[in-house]
Amino acid sequence: MWLQIVGFVVSLALSYVLRPKPNEPTPASFEQADIPTIKEGTPIAVLFGTREIKAPMVLWHGDFSVDKVQKKNGKK
């Protein structure tokens, strides 16, 4: 039984040391964002009731600035 516990601890330590390290994600730029936009001459759809819009037109989409998340005492 002790041999199994020691084997488990050794395999757990090896799997922790040999695990692959994840790459740091790069922040998305405005060109990479998949936001539908309006072009001049595009007809504006008028809908009544509850409908599903396949291609919405967006005039403005929020701020694309990047802020670093800081943790304090285990809290965001």
Protein backbone atom coordinates (compact mmCIF):
# COMPACT_ATOMS: atom_id res chain seq x y z
CA MET A 1 0.00 0.00 0.00
CA TRP A 2 2.80 2.47 0.84
CA LEU A 3 4.49 1.66 -2.43
CA GLN A 4 1.32 2.66 -4.31
CA ILE A 5 1.11 5.97 -2.43
CA VAL A 6 4.76 6.74 -3.17
CA GLY A 7 4.23 5.82 -6.84
CA PHE A 8 1.19 8.09 -6.99
CA VAL A 9 3.08 11.04 -5.48
CA VAL A 10 6.02 10.52 -7.87
CA SER A 11 3.73 10.32 -10.92
CA LEU A 12 1.83 13.41 -9.73
CA ALA A 13 5.08 15.36 -9.36
CA LEU A 14 6.30 14.24 -12.80
CA SER A 15 3.04 15.18 -14.50
CA TYR A 16 3.20 18.64 -12.87
CA VAL A 17 6.81 19.22 -13.97
CA LEU A 18 6.37 17.87 -17.52
CA ARG A 19 3.04 19.55 -18.35
CA PRO A 20 3.02 21.85 -21.40
CA LYS A 21 3.21 25.57 -20.67
CA PRO A 22 0.37 27.62 -22.24
CA ASN A 23 1.26 30.52 -24.54
CA GLU A 24 0.37 34.07 -23.49
CA PRO A 25 -2.69 35.28 -25.42
CA THR A 26 -2.21 38.38 -27.53
CA PRO A 27 -4.85 41.12 -27.28
CA ALA A 28 -7.14 41.35 -30.29
CA SER A 29 -6.79 44.31 -32.59
CA PHE A 30 -9.60 46.16 -34.32
CA GLU A 31 -8.87 44.35 -37.60
CA GLN A 32 -9.29 40.95 -35.94
CA ALA A 33 -12.68 41.80 -34.44
CA ASP A 34 -15.62 40.23 -36.25
CA ILE A 35 -18.02 43.15 -35.93
CA PRO A 36 -20.60 43.83 -38.64
CA THR A 37 -20.39 47.43 -39.87
CA ILE A 38 -22.45 49.71 -42.04
CA LYS A 39 -21.35 50.68 -45.53
CA GLU A 40 -22.79 53.55 -47.48
CA GLY A 41 -25.76 52.52 -49.59
CA THR A 42 -26.72 49.49 -47.47
CA PRO A 43 -30.51 49.31 -47.08
CA ILE A 44 -31.77 49.51 -43.49
CA ALA A 45 -34.16 46.72 -42.54
CA VAL A 46 -37.29 47.66 -40.59
CA LEU A 47 -38.59 44.83 -38.43
CA PHE A 48 -41.80 44.48 -36.49
CA GLY A 49 -42.28 41.97 -33.69
CA THR A 50 -39.74 39.42 -32.53
CA ARG A 51 -37.36 38.49 -35.33
CA GLU A 52 -33.87 37.03 -35.76
CA ILE A 53 -31.48 39.34 -37.58
CA LYS A 54 -28.91 37.43 -39.65
CA ALA A 55 -26.71 40.45 -40.46
CA PRO A 56 -27.10 43.28 -37.92
CA MET A 57 -25.67 46.73 -38.63
CA VAL A 58 -23.51 48.23 -35.89
CA LEU A 59 -22.84 51.96 -35.85
CA TRP A 60 -20.58 51.94 -32.77
CA HIS A 61 -18.95 49.22 -30.70
CA GLY A 62 -17.33 49.82 -27.28
CA ASP A 63 -13.79 50.71 -26.36
CA PHE A 64 -11.01 48.43 -27.61
CA SER A 65 -8.49 49.42 -24.95
CA VAL A 66 -6.72 46.71 -22.95
CA ASP A 67 -6.49 46.86 -19.16
CA LYS A 68 -4.44 44.42 -17.12
CA VAL A 69 -6.43 42.44 -14.56
CA GLN A 70 -4.94 42.86 -11.12
CA LYS A 71 -5.70 40.52 -8.24
CA LYS A 72 -5.60 41.64 -4.63
CA ASN A 73 -5.75 39.05 -1.86
CA GLY A 74 -7.30 36.44 -4.14
CA LYS A 75 -9.99 38.83 -5.40
CA LYS A 76 -10.29 40.61 -8.72
